[in-house]
PDB file of N, CA and C in Angstrom:
ATOM      1  N   UNK A   1       0.832  -1.203  -0.002  1.00  0.00           N
ATOM      2  CA  UNK A   1       0.002   0.002  -0.002  1.00  0.00           C
ATOM      3  C   UNK A   1       0.866   1.260  -0.002  1.00  0.00           C
ATOM      4  N   UNK A   2       1.924   1.225   0.810  1.00  0.00           N
ATOM      5  CA  UNK A   2       2.790   2.401   0.903  1.00  0.00           C
ATOM      6  C   UNK A   2       3.523   2.644  -0.411  1.00  0.00           C
ATOM      7  N   UNK A   3       4.001   1.570  -1.048  1.00  0.00           N
ATOM      8  CA  UNK A   3       4.705   1.735  -2.329  1.00  0.00           C
ATOM      9  C   UNK A   3       3.756   2.247  -3.421  1.00  0.00           C
ATOM     10  N   UNK A   4       2.494   1.841  -3.354  1.00  0.00           N
ATOM     11  CA  UNK A   4       1.508   2.334  -4.302  1.00  0.00           C
ATOM     12  C   UNK A   4       1.296   3.834  -4.132  1.00  0.00           C
ATOM     13  N   UNK A   5       1.214   4.276  -2.887  1.00  0.00           N
ATOM     14  CA  UNK A   5       1.048   5.705  -2.602  1.00  0.00           C
ATOM     15  C   UNK A   5       2.254   6.497  -3.098  1.00  0.00           C
ATOM     16  N   UNK A   6       3.456   5.970  -2.868  1.00  0.00           N
ATOM     17  CA  UNK A   6       4.675   6.639  -3.350  1.00  0.00           C
ATOM     18  C   UNK A   6       4.687   6.716  -4.874  1.00  0.00           C
ATOM     19  N   UNK A   7       4.269   5.647  -5.539  1.00  0.00           N
ATOM     20  CA  UNK A   7       4.232   5.645  -7.004  1.00  0.00           C
ATOM     21  C   UNK A   7       3.258   6.688  -7.535  1.00  0.00           C
ATOM     22  N   UNK A   8       2.102   6.799  -6.886  1.00  0.00           N
ATOM     23  CA  UNK A   8       1.105   7.784  -7.308  1.00  0.00           C
ATOM     24  C   UNK A   8       1.646   9.192  -7.114  1.00  0.00           C
ATOM     25  N   UNK A   9       2.324   9.466  -6.008  1.00  0.00           N
ATOM     26  CA  UNK A   9       2.891  10.786  -5.765  1.00  0.00           C
ATOM     27  C   UNK A   9       3.971  11.124  -6.786  1.00  0.00           C
ATOM     28  N   UNK A  10       4.811  10.169  -7.112  1.00  0.00           N
ATOM     29  CA  UNK A  10       5.849  10.405  -8.109  1.00  0.00           C
ATOM     30  C   UNK A  10       5.250  10.732  -9.457  1.00  0.00           C
ATOM     31  N   UNK A  11       4.235   9.994  -9.858  1.00  0.00           N
ATOM     32  CA  UNK A  11       3.581  10.260 -11.140  1.00  0.00           C
ATOM     33  C   UNK A  11       2.842  11.591 -11.139  1.00  0.00           C
ATOM     34  N   UNK A  12       2.252  11.955 -10.024  1.00  0.00           N
ATOM     35  CA  UNK A  12       1.521  13.220  -9.946  1.00  0.00           C
ATOM     36  C   UNK A  12       2.464  14.413 -10.007  1.00  0.00           C
ATOM     37  N   UNK A  13       3.648  14.286  -9.441  1.00  0.00           N
ATOM     38  CA  UNK A  13       4.589  15.413  -9.426  1.00  0.00           C
ATOM     39  C   UNK A  13       5.532  15.428 -10.612  1.00  0.00           C
ATOM     40  N   UNK A  14       5.508  14.414 -11.448  1.00  0.00           N
ATOM     41  CA  UNK A  14       6.414  14.336 -12.592  1.00  0.00           C
ATOM     42  C   UNK A  14       6.292  15.510 -13.545  1.00  0.00           C
ATOM     43  N   UNK A  15       5.067  15.978 -13.922  1.00  0.00           N
ATOM     44  CA  UNK A  15       4.989  17.112 -14.845  1.00  0.00           C
ATOM     45  C   UNK A  15       5.608  18.377 -14.271  1.00  0.00           C
ATOM     46  N   UNK A  16       5.455  18.591 -12.959  1.00  0.00           N
ATOM     47  CA  UNK A  16       6.021  19.782 -12.335  1.00  0.00           C
ATOM     48  C   UNK A  16       7.530  19.683 -12.330  1.00  0.00           C
ATOM     49  N   UNK A  17       8.064  18.519 -11.966  1.00  0.00           N
ATOM     50  CA  UNK A  17       9.506  18.351 -11.905  1.00  0.00           C
ATOM     51  C   UNK A  17      10.141  18.455 -13.290  1.00  0.00           C
ATOM     52  N   UNK A  18       9.429  18.036 -14.324  1.00  0.00           N
ATOM     53  CA  UNK A  18       9.990  18.066 -15.668  1.00  0.00           C
ATOM     54  C   UNK A  18      10.208  19.498 -16.161  1.00  0.00           C
ATOM     55  N   UNK A  19       9.382  20.443 -15.715  1.00  0.00           N
ATOM     56  CA  UNK A  19       9.498  21.826 -16.182  1.00  0.00           C
ATOM     57  C   UNK A  19      10.165  22.747 -15.183  1.00  0.00           C
ATOM     58  N   UNK A  20      10.467  22.276 -13.981  1.00  0.00           N
ATOM     59  CA  UNK A  20      10.953  23.142 -12.915  1.00  0.00           C
ATOM     60  C   UNK A  20      12.260  23.850 -13.273  1.00  0.00           C
ATOM     61  N   UNK A  21      13.121  23.221 -14.079  1.00  0.00           N
ATOM     62  CA  UNK A  21      14.405  23.820 -14.394  1.00  0.00           C
ATOM     63  C   UNK A  21      14.329  24.771 -15.579  1.00  0.00           C
ATOM     64  N   UNK A  22      13.213  24.861 -16.269  1.00  0.00           N
ATOM     65  CA  UNK A  22      13.123  25.698 -17.455  1.00  0.00           C
ATOM     66  C   UNK A  22      12.730  27.140 -17.150  1.00  0.00           C
ATOM     67  N   UNK A  23      12.100  27.383 -16.026  1.00  0.00           N
ATOM     68  CA  UNK A  23      11.653  28.736 -15.674  1.00  0.00           C
ATOM     69  C   UNK A  23      12.840  29.489 -15.090  1.00  0.00           C
ATOM     70  N   UNK A  24      13.111  30.694 -15.644  1.00  0.00           N
ATOM     71  CA  UNK A  24      14.242  31.498 -15.178  1.00  0.00           C
ATOM     72  C   UNK A  24      13.827  32.960 -15.161  1.00  0.00           C
ATOM     73  N   UNK A  25      14.554  33.740 -14.383  1.00  0.00           N
ATOM     74  CA  UNK A  25      14.419  35.195 -14.388  1.00  0.00           C
ATOM     75  C   UNK A  25      15.713  35.743 -14.989  1.00  0.00           C
ATOM     76  N   UNK A  26      15.598  36.377 -16.141  1.00  0.00           N
ATOM     77  CA  UNK A  26      16.771  36.926 -16.807  1.00  0.00           C
ATOM     78  C   UNK A  26      16.916  38.408 -16.566  1.00  0.00           C
ATOM     79  N   UNK A  27      18.143  38.881 -16.625  1.00  0.00           N
ATOM     80  CA  UNK A  27      18.415  40.300 -16.451  1.00  0.00           C
ATOM     81  C   UNK A  27      19.587  40.518 -15.512  1.00  0.00           C
ATOM     82  N   UNK A  28      19.978  41.759 -15.383  1.00  0.00           N
ATOM     83  CA  UNK A  28      21.071  42.129 -14.492  1.00  0.00           C
ATOM     84  C   UNK A  28      20.652  41.913 -13.039  1.00  0.00           C
ATOM     85  N   UNK A  29      21.618  41.691 -12.163  1.00  0.00           N
ATOM     86  CA  UNK A  29      21.311  41.543 -10.732  1.00  0.00           C
ATOM     87  C   UNK A  29      21.922  42.671  -9.918  1.00  0.00           C
ATOM     88  N   UNK A  30      22.636  43.593 -10.562  1.00  0.00           N
ATOM     89  CA  UNK A  30      23.205  44.744  -9.873  1.00  0.00           C
ATOM     90  C   UNK A  30      22.916  46.003 -10.684  1.00  0.00           C
ATOM     91  N   UNK A  31      22.369  47.015 -10.003  1.00  0.00           N
ATOM     92  CA  UNK A  31      21.958  48.244 -10.691  1.00  0.00           C
ATOM     93  C   UNK A  31      22.534  49.460  -9.975  1.00  0.00           C
ATOM     94  N   UNK A  32      22.756  50.511 -10.735  1.00  0.00           N
ATOM     95  CA  UNK A  32      23.193  51.788 -10.181  1.00  0.00           C
ATOM     96  C   UNK A  32      22.009  52.457  -9.477  1.00  0.00           C
ATOM     97  N   UNK A  33      22.260  53.399  -8.561  1.00  0.00           N
ATOM     98  CA  UNK A  33      21.163  54.101  -7.906  1.00  0.00           C
ATOM     99  C   UNK A  33      20.280  54.817  -8.925  1.00  0.00           C
ATOM    100  N   UNK A  34      18.994  54.825  -8.667  1.00  0.00           N
ATOM    101  CA  UNK A  34      17.987  55.511  -9.482  1.00  0.00           C
ATOM    102  C   UNK A  34      17.807  54.894 -10.869  1.00  0.00           C
ATOM    103  N   UNK A  35      18.331  53.697 -11.070  1.00  0.00           N
ATOM    104  CA  UNK A  35      18.146  53.012 -12.363  1.00  0.00           C
ATOM    105  C   UNK A  35      16.874  52.164 -12.299  1.00  0.00           C
ATOM    106  N   UNK A  36      16.304  51.921 -13.456  1.00  0.00           N
ATOM    107  CA  UNK A  36      15.109  51.086 -13.546  1.00  0.00           C
ATOM    108  C   UNK A  36      15.535  49.633 -13.629  1.00  0.00           C
ATOM    109  N   UNK A  37      15.074  48.831 -12.680  1.00  0.00           N
ATOM    110  CA  UNK A  37      15.368  47.404 -12.690  1.00  0.00           C
ATOM    111  C   UNK A  37      14.458  46.775 -13.739  1.00  0.00           C
ATOM    112  N   UNK A  38      15.039  45.945 -14.603  1.00  0.00           N
ATOM    113  CA  UNK A  38      14.261  45.305 -15.679  1.00  0.00           C
ATOM    114  C   UNK A  38      14.625  43.822 -15.707  1.00  0.00           C
ATOM    115  N   UNK A  39      13.638  42.987 -15.400  1.00  0.00           N
ATOM    116  CA  UNK A  39      13.818  41.544 -15.381  1.00  0.00           C
ATOM    117  C   UNK A  39      12.824  40.904 -16.343  1.00  0.00           C
ATOM    118  N   UNK A  40      13.204  39.747 -16.902  1.00  0.00           N
ATOM    119  CA  UNK A  40      12.346  39.089 -17.882  1.00  0.00           C
ATOM    120  C   UNK A  40      12.148  37.630 -17.516  1.00  0.00           C
ATOM    121  N   UNK A  41      10.908  37.161 -17.653  1.00  0.00           N
ATOM    122  CA  UNK A  41      10.597  35.749 -17.443  1.00  0.00           C
ATOM    123  C   UNK A  41      11.074  34.983 -18.672  1.00  0.00           C
ATOM    124  N   UNK A  42      11.866  33.929 -18.455  1.00  0.00           N
ATOM    125  CA  UNK A  42      12.396  33.125 -19.551  1.00  0.00           C
ATOM    126  C   UNK A  42      11.938  31.680 -19.382  1.00  0.00           C
ATOM    127  N   UNK A  43      11.672  31.030 -20.517  1.00  0.00           N
ATOM    128  CA  UNK A  43      11.249  29.643 -20.504  1.00  0.00           C
ATOM    129  C   UNK A  43       9.814  29.451 -20.050  1.00  0.00           C
ATOM    130  N   UNK A  44       8.993  30.483 -20.268  1.00  0.00           N
ATOM    131  CA  UNK A  44       7.610  30.483 -19.806  1.00  0.00           C
ATOM    132  C   UNK A  44       6.670  30.231 -20.974  1.00  0.00           C
ATOM    133  N   UNK A  45       5.666  29.392 -20.759  1.00  0.00           N
ATOM    134  CA  UNK A  45       4.636  29.130 -21.762  1.00  0.00           C
ATOM    135  C   UNK A  45       3.884  30.431 -22.054  1.00  0.00           C
ATOM    136  N   UNK A  46       3.581  30.660 -23.313  1.00  0.00           N
ATOM    137  CA  UNK A  46       2.893  31.900 -23.711  1.00  0.00           C
ATOM    138  C   UNK A  46       1.513  32.031 -23.092  1.00  0.00           C
ATOM    139  N   UNK A  47       0.884  30.916 -22.718  1.00  0.00           N
ATOM    140  CA  UNK A  47      -0.461  30.960 -22.125  1.00  0.00           C
ATOM    141  C   UNK A  47      -0.444  30.972 -20.603  1.00  0.00           C
ATOM    142  N   UNK A  48       0.718  30.925 -19.998  1.00  0.00           N
ATOM    143  CA  UNK A  48       0.813  30.854 -18.537  1.00  0.00           C
ATOM    144  C   UNK A  48       0.488  32.202 -17.905  1.00  0.00           C
ATOM    145  N   UNK A  49      -0.050  32.143 -16.693  1.00  0.00           N
ATOM    146  CA  UNK A  49      -0.272  33.332 -15.882  1.00  0.00           C
ATOM    147  C   UNK A  49       1.004  33.600 -15.093  1.00  0.00           C
ATOM    148  N   UNK A  50       1.409  34.876 -15.017  1.00  0.00           N
ATOM    149  CA  UNK A  50       2.634  35.232 -14.321  1.00  0.00           C
ATOM    150  C   UNK A  50       2.319  36.130 -13.132  1.00  0.00           C
ATOM    151  N   UNK A  51       2.949  35.859 -12.013  1.00  0.00           N
ATOM    152  CA  UNK A  51       2.796  36.683 -10.817  1.00  0.00           C
ATOM    153  C   UNK A  51       4.178  37.025 -10.307  1.00  0.00           C
ATOM    154  N   UNK A  52       4.495  38.317 -10.312  1.00  0.00           N
ATOM    155  CA  UNK A  52       5.785  38.808  -9.819  1.00  0.00           C
ATOM    156  C   UNK A  52       5.619  39.326  -8.389  1.00  0.00           C
ATOM    157  N   UNK A  53       6.588  39.028  -7.529  1.00  0.00           N
ATOM    158  CA  UNK A  53       6.608  39.558  -6.171  1.00  0.00           C
ATOM    159  C   UNK A  53       8.009  40.103  -5.884  1.00  0.00           C
ATOM    160  N   UNK A  54       8.055  41.232  -5.173  1.00  0.00           N
ATOM    161  CA  UNK A  54       9.329  41.849  -4.781  1.00  0.00           C
ATOM    162  C   UNK A  54       9.313  42.016  -3.276  1.00  0.00           C
ATOM    163  N   UNK A  55      10.378  41.534  -2.621  1.00  0.00           N
ATOM    164  CA  UNK A  55      10.507  41.643  -1.153  1.00  0.00           C
ATOM    165  C   UNK A  55      11.815  42.336  -0.810  1.00  0.00           C
ATOM    166  N   UNK A  56      11.857  43.277   0.119  1.00  0.00           N
ATOM    167  CA  UNK A  56      10.703  43.908   0.731  1.00  0.00           C
ATOM    168  C   UNK A  56       9.994  44.806  -0.277  1.00  0.00           C
ATOM    169  N   UNK A  57       8.717  44.906  -0.125  1.00  0.00           N
ATOM    170  CA  UNK A  57       7.911  45.640  -1.111  1.00  0.00           C
ATOM    171  C   UNK A  57       7.713  47.114  -0.753  1.00  0.00           C
ATOM    172  N   UNK A  58       8.128  47.498   0.433  1.00  0.00           N
ATOM    173  CA  UNK A  58       7.926  48.885   0.860  1.00  0.00           C
ATOM    174  C   UNK A  58       8.709  49.839  -0.057  1.00  0.00           C
ATOM    175  N   UNK A  59       8.022  50.848  -0.547  1.00  0.00           N
ATOM    176  CA  UNK A  59       8.573  51.898  -1.411  1.00  0.00           C
ATOM    177  C   UNK A  59       9.061  51.387  -2.769  1.00  0.00           C
ATOM    178  N   UNK A  60       8.617  50.217  -3.191  1.00  0.00           N
ATOM    179  CA  UNK A  60       8.941  49.722  -4.532  1.00  0.00           C
ATOM    180  C   UNK A  60       7.895  50.295  -5.481  1.00  0.00           C
ATOM    181  N   UNK A  61       8.371  50.977  -6.504  1.00  0.00           N
ATOM    182  CA  UNK A  61       7.474  51.581  -7.492  1.00  0.00           C
ATOM    183  C   UNK A  61       7.561  50.773  -8.781  1.00  0.00           C
ATOM    184  N   UNK A  62       6.473  50.083  -9.119  1.00  0.00           N
ATOM    185  CA  UNK A  62       6.452  49.269 -10.332  1.00  0.00           C
ATOM    186  C   UNK A  62       6.067  50.102 -11.522  1.00  0.00           C
ATOM    187  N   UNK A  63       6.670  49.774 -12.654  1.00  0.00           N
ATOM    188  CA  UNK A  63       6.335  50.434 -13.917  1.00  0.00           C
ATOM    189  C   UNK A  63       5.413  49.536 -14.702  1.00  0.00           C
ATOM    190  N   UNK A  64       4.615  50.142 -15.574  1.00  0.00           N
ATOM    191  CA  UNK A  64       3.799  49.345 -16.483  1.00  0.00           C
ATOM    192  C   UNK A  64       4.743  48.763 -17.525  1.00  0.00           C
ATOM    193  N   UNK A  65       4.707  47.470 -17.666  1.00  0.00           N
ATOM    194  CA  UNK A  65       5.646  46.819 -18.573  1.00  0.00           C
ATOM    195  C   UNK A  65       4.935  45.750 -19.371  1.00  0.00           C
ATOM    196  N   UNK A  66       5.556  45.315 -20.477  1.00  0.00           N
ATOM    197  CA  UNK A  66       4.927  44.292 -21.311  1.00  0.00           C
ATOM    198  C   UNK A  66       4.877  42.943 -20.599  1.00  0.00           C
ATOM    199  N   UNK A  67       4.076  42.043 -21.126  1.00  0.00           N
ATOM    200  CA  UNK A  67       3.914  40.715 -20.543  1.00  0.00           C
ATOM    201  C   UNK A  67       5.261  40.011 -20.441  1.00  0.00           C
ATOM    202  N   UNK A  68       5.503  39.402 -19.299  1.00  0.00           N
ATOM    203  CA  UNK A  68       6.732  38.659 -19.094  1.00  0.00           C
ATOM    204  C   UNK A  68       7.899  39.495 -18.610  1.00  0.00           C
ATOM    205  N   UNK A  69       7.656  40.783 -18.363  1.00  0.00           N
ATOM    206  CA  UNK A  69       8.715  41.688 -17.931  1.00  0.00           C
ATOM    207  C   UNK A  69       8.296  42.369 -16.631  1.00  0.00           C
ATOM    208  N   UNK A  70       9.239  42.485 -15.710  1.00  0.00           N
ATOM    209  CA  UNK A  70       9.020  43.234 -14.460  1.00  0.00           C
ATOM    210  C   UNK A  70       9.967  44.404 -14.471  1.00  0.00           C
ATOM    211  N   UNK A  71       9.451  45.605 -14.278  1.00  0.00           N
ATOM    212  CA  UNK A  71      10.255  46.805 -14.156  1.00  0.00           C
ATOM    213  C   UNK A  71       9.869  47.499 -12.871  1.00  0.00           C
ATOM    214  N   UNK A  72      10.879  47.895 -12.093  1.00  0.00           N
ATOM    215  CA  UNK A  72      10.586  48.634 -10.870  1.00  0.00           C
ATOM    216  C   UNK A  72      11.767  49.514 -10.484  1.00  0.00           C
ATOM    217  N   UNK A  73      11.452  50.520  -9.670  1.00  0.00           N
ATOM    218  CA  UNK A  73      12.452  51.408  -9.102  1.00  0.00           C
ATOM    219  C   UNK A  73      12.279  51.360  -7.588  1.00  0.00           C
ATOM    220  N   UNK A  74      13.393  51.454  -6.873  1.00  0.00           N
ATOM    221  CA  UNK A  74      13.336  51.379  -5.412  1.00  0.00           C
ATOM    222  C   UNK A  74      14.595  52.012  -4.837  1.00  0.00           C
ATOM    223  N   UNK A  75      14.582  52.198  -3.539  1.00  0.00           N
ATOM    224  CA  UNK A  75      15.740  52.740  -2.832  1.00  0.00           C
ATOM    225  C   UNK A  75      16.882  51.728  -2.854  1.00  0.00           C
ATOM    226  N   UNK A  76      18.116  52.202  -2.710  1.00  0.00           N
ATOM    227  CA  UNK A  76      19.257  51.282  -2.674  1.00  0.00           C
ATOM    228  C   UNK A  76      19.083  50.239  -1.575  1.00  0.00           C
ATOM    229  N   UNK A  77      19.223  48.987  -1.947  1.00  0.00           N
ATOM    230  CA  UNK A  77      19.099  47.850  -1.032  1.00  0.00           C
ATOM    231  C   UNK A  77      19.195  46.577  -1.867  1.00  0.00           C
ATOM    232  N   UNK A  78      18.998  45.439  -1.198  1.00  0.00           N
ATOM    233  CA  UNK A  78      18.925  44.158  -1.889  1.00  0.00           C
ATOM    234  C   UNK A  78      17.483  43.672  -1.834  1.00  0.00           C
ATOM    235  N   UNK A  79      16.971  43.245  -2.963  1.00  0.00           N
ATOM    236  CA  UNK A  79      15.585  42.823  -3.093  1.00  0.00           C
ATOM    237  C   UNK A  79      15.524  41.381  -3.590  1.00  0.00           C
ATOM    238  N   UNK A  80      14.599  40.628  -3.043  1.00  0.00           N
ATOM    239  CA  UNK A  80      14.331  39.278  -3.518  1.00  0.00           C
ATOM    240  C   UNK A  80      13.147  39.360  -4.489  1.00  0.00           C
ATOM    241  N   UNK A  81      13.339  38.875  -5.690  1.00  0.00           N
ATOM    242  CA  UNK A  81      12.285  38.891  -6.704  1.00  0.00           C
ATOM    243  C   UNK A  81      11.862  37.441  -6.946  1.00  0.00           C
ATOM    244  N   UNK A  82      10.564  37.230  -6.905  1.00  0.00           N
ATOM    245  CA  UNK A  82       9.997  35.901  -7.091  1.00  0.00           C
ATOM    246  C   UNK A  82       9.038  35.935  -8.258  1.00  0.00           C
ATOM    247  N   UNK A  83       9.092  34.918  -9.082  1.00  0.00           N
ATOM    248  CA  UNK A  83       8.174  34.770 -10.212  1.00  0.00           C
ATOM    249  C   UNK A  83       7.421  33.458 -10.044  1.00  0.00           C
ATOM    250  N   UNK A  84       6.085  33.553 -10.015  1.00  0.00           N
ATOM    251  CA  UNK A  84       5.240  32.373  -9.987  1.00  0.00           C
ATOM    252  C   UNK A  84       4.615  32.226 -11.368  1.00  0.00           C
ATOM    253  N   UNK A  85       4.745  31.035 -11.952  1.00  0.00           N
ATOM    254  CA  UNK A  85       4.202  30.749 -13.273  1.00  0.00           C
ATOM    255  C   UNK A  85       3.110  29.693 -13.103  1.00  0.00           C
ATOM    256  N   UNK A  86       1.883  30.043 -13.472  1.00  0.00           N
ATOM    257  CA  UNK A  86       0.741  29.162 -13.281  1.00  0.00           C
ATOM    258  C   UNK A  86       0.243  28.716 -14.653  1.00  0.00           C
ATOM    259  N   UNK A  87       0.221  27.399 -14.839  1.00  0.00           N
ATOM    260  CA  UNK A  87      -0.232  26.848 -16.116  1.00  0.00           C
ATOM    261  C   UNK A  87      -1.348  25.832 -15.878  1.00  0.00           C
ATOM    262  N   UNK A  88      -2.200  25.680 -16.890  1.00  0.00           N
ATOM    263  CA  UNK A  88      -3.288  24.699 -16.842  1.00  0.00           C
ATOM    264  C   UNK A  88      -3.169  23.855 -18.106  1.00  0.00           C
ATOM    265  N   UNK A  89      -2.677  22.642 -17.923  1.00  0.00           N
ATOM    266  CA  UNK A  89      -2.499  21.737 -19.054  1.00  0.00           C
ATOM    267  C   UNK A  89      -3.447  20.559 -18.900  1.00  0.00           C
ATOM    268  N   UNK A  90      -4.399  20.469 -19.806  1.00  0.00           N
ATOM    269  CA  UNK A  90      -5.375  19.379 -19.792  1.00  0.00           C
ATOM    270  C   UNK A  90      -6.062  19.226 -18.435  1.00  0.00           C
ATOM    271  N   UNK A  91      -6.415  20.349 -17.831  1.00  0.00           N
ATOM    272  CA  UNK A  91      -7.108  20.338 -16.547  1.00  0.00           C
ATOM    273  C   UNK A  91      -6.199  20.171 -15.339  1.00  0.00           C
ATOM    274  N   UNK A  92      -4.910  20.043 -15.566  1.00  0.00           N
ATOM    275  CA  UNK A  92      -3.950  19.913 -14.461  1.00  0.00           C
ATOM    276  C   UNK A  92      -3.283  21.262 -14.225  1.00  0.00           C
ATOM    277  N   UNK A  93      -3.484  21.802 -13.051  1.00  0.00           N
ATOM    278  CA  UNK A  93      -2.919  23.087 -12.677  1.00  0.00           C
ATOM    279  C   UNK A  93      -1.546  22.881 -12.082  1.00  0.00           C
ATOM    280  N   UNK A  94      -0.561  23.640 -12.563  1.00  0.00           N
ATOM    281  CA  UNK A  94       0.783  23.548 -11.981  1.00  0.00           C
ATOM    282  C   UNK A  94       1.315  24.949 -11.714  1.00  0.00           C
ATOM    283  N   UNK A  95       2.094  25.038 -10.657  1.00  0.00           N
ATOM    284  CA  UNK A  95       2.704  26.309 -10.255  1.00  0.00           C
ATOM    285  C   UNK A  95       4.214  26.072 -10.154  1.00  0.00           C
ATOM    286  N   UNK A  96       4.954  26.883 -10.887  1.00  0.00           N
ATOM    287  CA  UNK A  96       6.410  26.811 -10.846  1.00  0.00           C
ATOM    288  C   UNK A  96       6.924  28.163 -10.361  1.00  0.00           C
ATOM    289  N   UNK A  97       8.120  28.164  -9.785  1.00  0.00           N
ATOM    290  CA  UNK A  97       8.644  29.426  -9.304  1.00  0.00           C
ATOM    291  C   UNK A  97      10.125  29.559  -9.599  1.00  0.00           C
ATOM    292  N   UNK A  98      10.543  30.819  -9.680  1.00  0.00           N
ATOM    293  CA  UNK A  98      11.938  31.155  -9.859  1.00  0.00           C
ATOM    294  C   UNK A  98      12.212  32.366  -8.973  1.00  0.00           C
ATOM    295  N   UNK A  99      13.432  32.472  -8.484  1.00  0.00           N
ATOM    296  CA  UNK A  99      13.812  33.584  -7.609  1.00  0.00           C
ATOM    297  C   UNK A  99      15.180  34.127  -8.008  1.00  0.00           C
ATOM    298  N   UNK A 100      15.383  35.396  -7.704  1.00  0.00           N
ATOM    299  CA  UNK A 100      16.663  36.023  -7.939  1.00  0.00           C
ATOM    300  C   UNK A 100      16.821  37.191  -6.947  1.00  0.00           C
ATOM    301  N   UNK A 101      18.033  37.474  -6.545  1.00  0.00           N
ATOM    302  CA  UNK A 101      18.324  38.631  -5.698  1.00  0.00           C
ATOM    303  C   UNK A 101      18.841  39.752  -6.577  1.00  0.00           C
ATOM    304  N   UNK A 102      18.333  40.953  -6.355  1.00  0.00           N
ATOM    305  CA  UNK A 102      18.731  42.122  -7.115  1.00  0.00           C
ATOM    306  C   UNK A 102      19.241  43.166  -6.128  1.00  0.00           C
ATOM    307  N   UNK A 103      20.401  43.740  -6.429  1.00  0.00           N
ATOM    308  CA  UNK A 103      20.992  44.768  -5.571  1.00  0.00           C
ATOM    309  C   UNK A 103      20.987  46.101  -6.303  1.00  0.00           C
ATOM    310  N   UNK A 104      20.437  47.115  -5.642  1.00  0.00           N
ATOM    311  CA  UNK A 104      20.516  48.479  -6.133  1.00  0.00           C
ATOM    312  C   UNK A 104      21.577  49.160  -5.262  1.00  0.00           C
ATOM    313  N   UNK A 105      22.649  49.588  -5.911  1.00  0.00           N
ATOM    314  CA  UNK A 105      23.779  50.144  -5.165  1.00  0.00           C
ATOM    315  C   UNK A 105      23.399  51.482  -4.513  1.00  0.00           C
ATOM    316  N   UNK A 106      24.112  51.805  -3.438  1.00  0.00           N
ATOM    317  CA  UNK A 106      23.840  53.065  -2.745  1.00  0.00           C
ATOM    318  C   UNK A 106      24.570  54.214  -3.434  1.00  0.00           C
ATOM    319  N   UNK A 107      24.069  55.396  -3.193  1.00  0.00           N
ATOM    320  CA  UNK A 107      24.671  56.599  -3.746  1.00  0.00           C
ATOM    321  C   UNK A 107      25.937  56.911  -2.951  1.00  0.00           C
ATOM    322  N   UNK A 108      26.999  57.198  -3.663  1.00  0.00           N
ATOM    323  CA  UNK A 108      28.235  57.633  -2.985  1.00  0.00           C
ATOM    324  C   UNK A 108      28.472  59.073  -3.383  1.00  0.00           C
ATOM    325  N   UNK A 109      28.292  59.989  -2.424  1.00  0.00           N
ATOM    326  CA  UNK A 109      28.456  61.394  -2.764  1.00  0.00           C
ATOM    327  C   UNK A 109      29.914  61.707  -3.150  1.00  0.00           C
ATOM    328  N   UNK A 110      30.066  62.606  -4.102  1.00  0.00           N
ATOM    329  CA  UNK A 110      31.398  63.042  -4.540  1.00  0.00           C
ATOM    330  C   UNK A 110      31.842  64.156  -3.591  1.00  0.00           C
ATOM    331  N   UNK A 111      33.009  63.970  -2.972  1.00  0.00           N
ATOM    332  CA  UNK A 111      33.475  65.011  -2.049  1.00  0.00           C
ATOM    333  C   UNK A 111      33.795  66.302  -2.817  1.00  0.00           C
ATOM    334  N   UNK A 112      33.558  67.438  -2.159  1.00  0.00           N
ATOM    335  CA  UNK A 112      33.831  68.715  -2.851  1.00  0.00           C
ATOM    336  C   UNK A 112      35.333  68.877  -3.095  1.00  0.00           C
ATOM    337  N   UNK A 113      35.647  69.548  -4.199  1.00  0.00           N
ATOM    338  CA  UNK A 113      37.047  69.838  -4.531  1.00  0.00           C
ATOM    339  C   UNK A 113      37.471  71.114  -3.806  1.00  0.00           C
ATOM    340  N   UNK A 114      38.578  71.062  -3.092  1.00  0.00           N
ATOM    341  CA  UNK A 114      39.025  72.305  -2.386  1.00  0.00           C
ATOM    342  C   UNK A 114      39.391  73.397  -3.398  1.00  0.00           C
ATOM    343  N   UNK A 115      39.190  74.645  -3.006  1.00  0.00           N
ATOM    344  CA  UNK A 115      39.500  75.758  -3.928  1.00  0.00           C
ATOM    345  C   UNK A 115      40.983  75.935  -4.150  1.00  0.00           C
TER     346      UNK A 115
END
C-alpha cells in the first residue's frame, strides 16, 4: 500500500519536476542608484499566468511593462524577486517558481574639490 502511494505521488509530481528547471528570471542583478530594474521571465509558456513579487515591497514603485517583464524602481538595497508561473495543461494546474536577488547600489556622494 505504501509503495503504491509513493508511486502515485511520483507520477503526480512528474509534470512539475519536468519543467521546474526551465523557468528562469533573466536580467542584471546589480543596478546603479535611481536606475530602472528590468527583469524578464524566460522559459515560460505563452499561455501561462505570471505573478511577480518583490521583497521587501515597501517603497517599490512598479512600472507598467509588457507581458513577461518586471520593471521597478526602489531605494538602494537588496531585493528578492519571485516569479510564480501558473499553467493549466489538460485540466492539471501547476505552479512553478523562480527567484533572484537584485541589488541596487547606494549613492556615494562626490566630495567637494578644495579651492
